[in-house]
Amino acid sequence: MEPEAGNNRTAITELILLGLVDTEKLQPVVFVLFLLAYLLTVGGNLSILAAILVEPRLHTPMYFFLGNLSALDIGCVTVTVPAMLGRLLSHKRTISYEACLSQLFFFHLLAGMDCFLLTAMAYDRFLAICRPLTYSTRMSQTVQWMLVAVSWACAFTNALTHTVALTTLNFCGPSEVNHFYCDLPQLFQLSCSSTQLNELLLFGLGFIMAGAPLVLIITSYIHVAAAVLQIRSAGGRKKAFSTCGSHLTMVCLFYGTGIFSYMRLGSEEASDKDKGVGVFNTVINPLLNPLIYSLRNPDVQRALWRVLMGRWSLA
């Protein structure tokens, strides 16, 4: 990084992503593991999308949102993992400043969409269980597309705000990012100017983008639990809870790792814990989502079986 004459900002051309491991002997192992995880994540989520398309029973609002979530998971893992694999192959750990900002923008865009889609899925379960008589009208196709469109608009605004705000910071060195992808907490630590406003912005928008949806999710499930407990038959209660269990598992994984990443900013240095949480955010969660929804759902299992059998018959 070289100072730009006559300007109080540092002209950044590239950053160094330190990655997950320092030892070169371990890099081939990391490459194989992450390549396998990437292929499984993309394949699993594409299978969910195919299953939703081929199975008429899955042409419902809940699976419409699940299909969108699977597409987001493919995008999220694609934003971070292929670039990391490329650096491992080339043995170059540098990333241009523009590429770093782009990665940051798309990562927060997709993560923001996750927040709103999980909320829409909770609202769908609330209507299906607590308001069954008006469910078809309150969750029509028009409403579904409106929820997705508003989610994209809010997520885009959030991601663009953070990206633009980051460009106002001064970076004087060092240029080493103790992570395997570009994210706000690690980049804040490289700034030689005050990041207080950026951190306040992260907390404020974080409450709007994650806190408010989480409150809505919890409120929805309080009503769902109260309605399910009034069902007299044990089989009916089990069926109702089973449709919500997979979604609640995804919510816990997503918000648990998100809170650890973004709600503890300050003077704490980046550590291997941040990298571990980053792996969960970008790889493990997208990998687990197809498994979570297929293992406990007979309809999805049947649809996946039809997709697999169709491929084998074509082969």
Protein backbone atom coordinates (compact mmCIF):
# COMPACT_ATOMS: atom_id res chain seq x y z
CA MET A 1 0.00 0.00 0.00
CA GLU A 2 1.37 3.40 -0.97
CA PRO A 3 0.14 6.78 0.28
CA GLU A 4 -1.48 8.93 -2.34
CA ALA A 5 0.12 12.36 -2.52
CA GLY A 6 -2.07 15.28 -1.57
CA ASN A 7 -4.76 13.04 -0.19
CA ASN A 8 -5.43 12.02 3.39
CA ARG A 9 -6.44 8.51 2.34
CA THR A 10 -4.29 5.52 1.60
CA ALA A 11 -4.47 4.21 -1.96
CA ILE A 12 -5.07 0.49 -1.48
CA THR A 13 -4.37 -1.77 -4.39
CA GLU A 14 -4.48 -5.18 -2.73
CA LEU A 15 -4.86 -6.99 0.57
CA ILE A 16 -3.40 -10.24 1.85
CA LEU A 17 -5.85 -12.88 3.05
CA LEU A 18 -3.96 -15.10 5.49
CA GLY A 19 -6.40 -17.98 5.00
CA LEU A 20 -7.23 -20.82 7.33
CA VAL A 21 -3.81 -22.40 7.86
CA ASP A 22 -0.23 -21.12 7.84
CA THR A 23 1.49 -24.44 7.15
CA GLU A 24 1.93 -25.18 3.45
CA LYS A 25 1.73 -28.94 4.09
CA LEU A 26 -1.85 -28.53 5.30
CA GLN A 27 -2.98 -26.46 2.32
CA PRO A 28 -3.62 -29.46 0.01
CA VAL A 29 -5.77 -31.02 2.74
CA VAL A 30 -7.74 -27.79 3.14
CA PHE A 31 -8.13 -27.56 -0.64
CA VAL A 32 -9.55 -31.09 -0.94
CA LEU A 33 -11.89 -30.67 2.04
CA PHE A 34 -13.29 -27.34 0.85
CA LEU A 35 -13.58 -28.48 -2.75
CA LEU A 36 -15.55 -31.51 -1.59
CA ALA A 37 -17.71 -29.35 0.70
CA TYR A 38 -18.37 -26.91 -2.15
CA LEU A 39 -19.41 -29.65 -4.56
CA LEU A 40 -21.65 -31.28 -1.96
CA THR A 41 -23.23 -27.92 -1.06
CA VAL A 42 -23.95 -26.98 -4.66
CA GLY A 43 -25.13 -30.50 -5.51
CA GLY A 44 -27.34 -30.78 -2.43
CA ASN A 45 -29.02 -27.43 -2.92
CA LEU A 46 -29.49 -28.02 -6.67
CA SER A 47 -31.13 -31.34 -5.76
CA ILE A 48 -33.52 -29.53 -3.42
CA LEU A 49 -34.38 -27.08 -6.21
CA ALA A 50 -34.94 -29.95 -8.66
CA ALA A 51 -37.07 -31.83 -6.14
CA ILE A 52 -39.28 -28.79 -5.59
CA LEU A 53 -39.74 -28.40 -9.35
CA VAL A 54 -40.60 -32.05 -10.12
CA GLU A 55 -42.81 -32.84 -7.12
CA PRO A 56 -46.32 -31.29 -7.30
CA ARG A 57 -46.76 -31.76 -3.53
CA LEU A 58 -43.91 -29.31 -2.99
CA HIS A 59 -45.53 -26.52 -5.01
CA THR A 60 -46.50 -24.69 -1.82
CA PRO A 61 -45.38 -21.38 -0.29
CA MET A 62 -43.09 -23.06 2.26
CA TYR A 63 -41.13 -24.84 -0.46
CA PHE A 64 -41.16 -21.76 -2.66
CA PHE A 65 -39.22 -19.99 0.10
CA LEU A 66 -37.04 -23.07 0.64
CA GLY A 67 -36.15 -23.08 -3.06
CA ASN A 68 -35.11 -19.45 -2.80
CA LEU A 69 -33.07 -20.28 0.31
CA SER A 70 -31.29 -23.09 -1.56
CA ALA A 71 -30.41 -20.69 -4.37
CA LEU A 72 -29.04 -18.26 -1.79
CA ASP A 73 -26.93 -20.99 -0.21
CA ILE A 74 -25.39 -21.76 -3.59
CA GLY A 75 -24.62 -18.07 -4.03
CA CYS A 76 -23.19 -17.67 -0.53
CA VAL A 77 -20.74 -20.55 -0.84
CA THR A 78 -19.80 -19.46 -4.38
CA VAL A 79 -18.92 -15.93 -3.25
CA THR A 80 -16.23 -17.17 -0.86
CA VAL A 81 -15.03 -20.73 -1.48
CA PRO A 82 -13.96 -20.77 -5.19
CA ALA A 83 -11.81 -17.66 -4.65
CA MET A 84 -10.16 -19.31 -1.66
CA LEU A 85 -9.55 -22.50 -3.67
CA GLY A 86 -7.97 -20.43 -6.44
CA ARG A 87 -5.58 -18.79 -4.00
CA LEU A 88 -4.61 -22.19 -2.59
CA LEU A 89 -3.86 -23.47 -6.10
CA SER A 90 -1.85 -20.43 -7.14
CA HIS A 91 -0.14 -20.05 -3.74
CA LYS A 92 -1.03 -16.35 -3.90
CA ARG A 93 -2.86 -14.91 -0.92
CA THR A 94 -3.46 -11.44 -2.34
CA ILE A 95 -6.83 -10.01 -3.34
CA SER A 96 -7.42 -6.66 -5.01
CA TYR A 97 -9.16 -3.96 -3.03
CA GLU A 98 -12.02 -3.85 -5.56
CA ALA A 99 -12.45 -7.63 -5.44
CA CYS A 100 -12.49 -7.48 -1.64
CA LEU A 101 -15.26 -4.86 -1.69
CA SER A 102 -17.24 -6.91 -4.23
CA GLN A 103 -16.96 -10.04 -2.11
CA LEU A 104 -18.05 -8.08 0.97
CA PHE A 105 -21.06 -6.62 -0.88
CA PHE A 106 -22.36 -9.92 -2.26
CA PHE A 107 -21.77 -11.77 1.00
CA HIS A 108 -23.86 -9.26 2.97
CA LEU A 109 -26.46 -9.13 0.21
CA LEU A 110 -27.03 -12.89 0.40
CA ALA A 111 -26.80 -13.01 4.21
CA GLY A 112 -29.40 -10.24 4.45
CA MET A 113 -31.69 -12.18 2.14
CA ASP A 114 -31.30 -15.19 4.43
CA CYS A 115 -32.61 -13.14 7.36
CA PHE A 116 -35.76 -12.10 5.54
CA LEU A 117 -36.42 -15.47 3.93
CA LEU A 118 -36.22 -17.24 7.28
CA THR A 119 -38.71 -14.68 8.58
CA ALA A 120 -41.03 -15.25 5.62
CA MET A 121 -40.89 -19.00 6.27
CA ALA A 122 -41.82 -18.45 9.93
CA TYR A 123 -44.73 -16.23 8.86
CA ASP A 124 -45.82 -18.96 6.44
CA ARG A 125 -45.87 -21.55 9.26
CA PHE A 126 -47.82 -19.12 11.46
CA LEU A 127 -50.50 -18.64 8.80
CA ALA A 128 -50.66 -22.35 7.92
CA ILE A 129 -51.13 -23.49 11.53
CA CYS A 130 -52.83 -20.54 13.23
CA ARG A 131 -54.87 -19.11 10.33
CA PRO A 132 -55.60 -22.13 8.10
CA LEU A 133 -58.93 -20.81 6.77
CA THR A 134 -57.38 -17.67 5.28
CA TYR A 135 -53.98 -19.19 4.47
CA SER A 136 -54.47 -19.45 0.70
CA THR A 137 -55.43 -15.79 0.36
CA ARG A 138 -52.90 -14.37 2.82
CA MET A 139 -50.05 -16.36 1.27
CA SER A 140 -50.98 -16.14 -2.40
CA GLN A 141 -48.37 -16.21 -5.16
CA THR A 142 -48.52 -12.44 -5.36
CA VAL A 143 -47.76 -12.14 -1.65
CA GLN A 144 -44.90 -14.62 -1.98
CA TRP A 145 -43.25 -12.68 -4.79
CA MET A 146 -43.79 -9.40 -2.96
CA LEU A 147 -42.07 -10.79 0.14
CA VAL A 148 -39.10 -11.94 -1.95
CA ALA A 149 -38.89 -8.62 -3.83
CA VAL A 150 -38.97 -6.55 -0.62
CA SER A 151 -36.36 -8.86 0.89
CA TRP A 152 -34.02 -8.29 -2.06
CA ALA A 153 -34.52 -4.52 -1.86
CA CYS A 154 -33.76 -4.37 1.88
CA ALA A 155 -30.77 -6.71 1.61
CA PHE A 156 -29.37 -4.71 -1.32
CA THR A 157 -29.69 -1.45 0.61
CA ASN A 158 -27.96 -2.95 3.65
CA ALA A 159 -25.07 -4.42 1.66
CA LEU A 160 -24.56 -1.24 -0.37
CA THR A 161 -24.59 0.93 2.78
CA HIS A 162 -21.87 -1.14 4.48
CA THR A 163 -19.75 -1.26 1.34
CA VAL A 164 -19.92 2.49 0.73
CA ALA A 165 -19.28 3.22 4.43
CA LEU A 166 -16.16 1.03 4.33
CA THR A 167 -14.69 3.09 1.48
CA THR A 168 -14.64 6.16 3.75
CA LEU A 169 -12.07 4.56 6.08
CA ASN A 170 -8.31 5.16 5.87
CA PHE A 171 -6.04 2.12 5.66
CA CYS A 172 -2.41 2.70 6.58
CA GLY A 173 -1.21 -0.88 6.99
CA PRO A 174 -0.61 -3.62 7.71
CA SER A 175 -2.58 -5.05 4.80
CA GLU A 176 -2.96 -8.58 6.20
CA VAL A 177 -6.53 -9.80 6.78
CA ASN A 178 -6.63 -12.61 9.30
CA HIS A 179 -9.38 -14.48 7.49
CA PHE A 180 -10.08 -16.41 4.29
CA TYR A 181 -12.58 -13.90 2.90
CA CYS A 182 -13.27 -10.18 3.25
CA ASP A 183 -15.66 -9.23 6.04
CA LEU A 184 -16.33 -6.13 8.10
CA PRO A 185 -14.88 -7.03 11.54
CA GLN A 186 -11.51 -8.04 10.10
CA LEU A 187 -11.33 -5.02 7.78
CA PHE A 188 -12.19 -2.66 10.65
CA GLN A 189 -9.06 -3.83 12.43
CA LEU A 190 -6.87 -2.68 9.53
CA SER A 191 -8.18 0.88 9.55
CA CYS A 192 -5.99 3.66 10.95
CA SER A 193 -9.01 5.97 11.22
CA SER A 194 -11.88 5.69 13.67
CA THR A 195 -14.34 2.90 12.91
CA GLN A 196 -16.80 3.98 15.60
CA LEU A 197 -19.42 5.21 13.14
CA ASN A 198 -19.01 2.09 11.01
CA GLU A 199 -19.47 -0.13 14.06
CA LEU A 200 -22.54 1.84 15.15
CA LEU A 201 -23.89 1.46 11.63
CA LEU A 202 -23.24 -2.27 11.77
CA PHE A 203 -25.08 -2.54 15.09
CA GLY A 204 -27.98 -0.35 13.96
CA LEU A 205 -28.52 -2.05 10.62
CA GLY A 206 -27.83 -5.39 12.28
CA PHE A 207 -30.79 -4.83 14.58
CA ILE A 208 -33.01 -3.92 11.64
CA MET A 209 -31.77 -6.72 9.38
CA ALA A 210 -31.43 -9.47 11.99
CA GLY A 211 -32.91 -8.35 15.31
CA ALA A 212 -36.32 -7.34 14.02
CA PRO A 213 -36.73 -10.52 11.89
CA LEU A 214 -35.65 -12.63 14.88
CA VAL A 215 -38.32 -10.99 17.05
CA LEU A 216 -40.92 -11.73 14.36
CA ILE A 217 -39.75 -15.34 14.11
CA ILE A 218 -39.96 -15.84 17.88
CA THR A 219 -43.40 -14.19 18.01
CA SER A 220 -44.65 -16.39 15.17
CA TYR A 221 -43.49 -19.56 16.88
CA ILE A 222 -44.99 -18.56 20.23
CA HIS A 223 -48.37 -18.43 18.48
CA VAL A 224 -47.60 -21.67 16.60
CA ALA A 225 -46.66 -23.50 19.80
CA ALA A 226 -49.83 -22.30 21.52
CA ALA A 227 -51.96 -23.46 18.59
CA VAL A 228 -50.23 -26.85 18.30
CA LEU A 229 -50.61 -27.59 22.01
CA GLN A 230 -54.38 -27.23 21.59
CA ILE A 231 -54.42 -30.09 19.07
CA ARG A 232 -55.84 -33.13 20.85
CA SER A 233 -54.25 -35.93 18.82
CA ALA A 234 -50.58 -36.72 19.42
CA GLY A 235 -50.14 -37.48 15.72
CA GLY A 236 -51.45 -34.07 14.75
CA ARG A 237 -49.13 -32.32 17.19
CA LYS A 238 -46.16 -34.33 15.95
CA LYS A 239 -46.91 -33.52 12.32
CA ALA A 240 -47.32 -29.81 13.05
CA PHE A 241 -44.09 -29.61 15.04
CA SER A 242 -42.16 -31.61 12.42
CA THR A 243 -42.91 -28.99 9.77
CA CYS A 244 -41.40 -26.33 12.04
CA GLY A 245 -38.44 -28.26 13.47
CA SER A 246 -36.27 -28.04 10.35
CA HIS A 247 -36.85 -24.32 10.03
CA LEU A 248 -36.08 -23.68 13.69
CA THR A 249 -32.81 -25.63 13.35
CA MET A 250 -31.79 -23.43 10.42
CA VAL A 251 -32.70 -20.27 12.37
CA CYS A 252 -30.58 -21.34 15.37
CA LEU A 253 -27.55 -22.12 13.18
CA PHE A 254 -27.81 -18.92 11.17
CA TYR A 255 -28.39 -16.52 14.06
CA GLY A 256 -25.97 -18.27 16.42
CA THR A 257 -23.01 -17.82 14.09
CA GLY A 258 -24.15 -14.36 13.01
CA ILE A 259 -24.34 -13.04 16.58
CA PHE A 260 -20.84 -14.38 17.32
CA SER A 261 -19.44 -12.68 14.20
CA TYR A 262 -20.99 -9.22 14.36
CA MET A 263 -22.20 -8.51 17.90
CA ARG A 264 -18.82 -8.48 19.64
CA LEU A 265 -16.88 -5.78 17.83
CA GLY A 266 -14.30 -3.66 19.63
CA SER A 267 -10.67 -4.09 20.54
CA GLU A 268 -10.65 -7.87 20.35
CA GLU A 269 -8.17 -9.17 17.79
CA ALA A 270 -9.17 -11.52 15.02
CA SER A 271 -8.58 -15.11 16.01
CA ASP A 272 -9.00 -18.65 14.79
CA LYS A 273 -12.47 -18.60 16.35
CA ASP A 274 -13.50 -16.01 13.76
CA LYS A 275 -12.25 -18.28 11.00
CA GLY A 276 -14.18 -21.21 12.46
CA VAL A 277 -17.37 -19.15 12.59
CA GLY A 278 -16.65 -18.00 9.04
CA VAL A 279 -16.48 -21.62 7.92
CA PHE A 280 -19.88 -22.21 9.53
CA ASN A 281 -21.37 -19.12 7.87
CA THR A 282 -20.08 -19.78 4.38
CA VAL A 283 -19.75 -23.58 4.15
CA ILE A 284 -21.31 -25.62 6.96
CA ASN A 285 -24.69 -23.88 7.11
CA PRO A 286 -25.31 -24.04 3.32
CA LEU A 287 -24.14 -27.66 3.37
CA LEU A 288 -26.45 -28.64 6.25
CA ASN A 289 -29.61 -26.97 4.98
CA PRO A 290 -30.46 -29.65 2.35
CA LEU A 291 -29.77 -32.38 4.91
CA ILE A 292 -31.90 -30.71 7.58
CA TYR A 293 -34.88 -30.39 5.27
CA SER A 294 -34.58 -33.81 3.61
CA LEU A 295 -33.87 -36.04 6.61
CA ARG A 296 -37.13 -35.19 8.42
CA ASN A 297 -39.41 -34.63 5.44
CA PRO A 298 -40.92 -37.63 3.60
CA ASP A 299 -42.23 -35.46 0.75
CA VAL A 300 -38.77 -34.05 0.05
CA GLN A 301 -37.25 -37.52 0.31
CA ARG A 302 -39.69 -38.90 -2.26
CA ALA A 303 -39.02 -35.98 -4.59
CA LEU A 304 -35.25 -36.37 -4.25
CA TRP A 305 -35.61 -40.07 -5.00
CA ARG A 306 -37.53 -39.24 -8.16
CA VAL A 307 -34.79 -36.80 -9.21
CA LEU A 308 -32.05 -39.38 -8.59
CA MET A 309 -33.93 -42.15 -10.37
CA GLY A 310 -34.52 -39.83 -13.31
CA ARG A 311 -30.80 -39.16 -13.58
CA TRP A 312 -29.95 -42.84 -13.41
CA SER A 313 -32.51 -43.72 -16.07
CA LEU A 314 -31.06 -41.01 -18.37
CA ALA A 315 -27.58 -42.37 -17.73
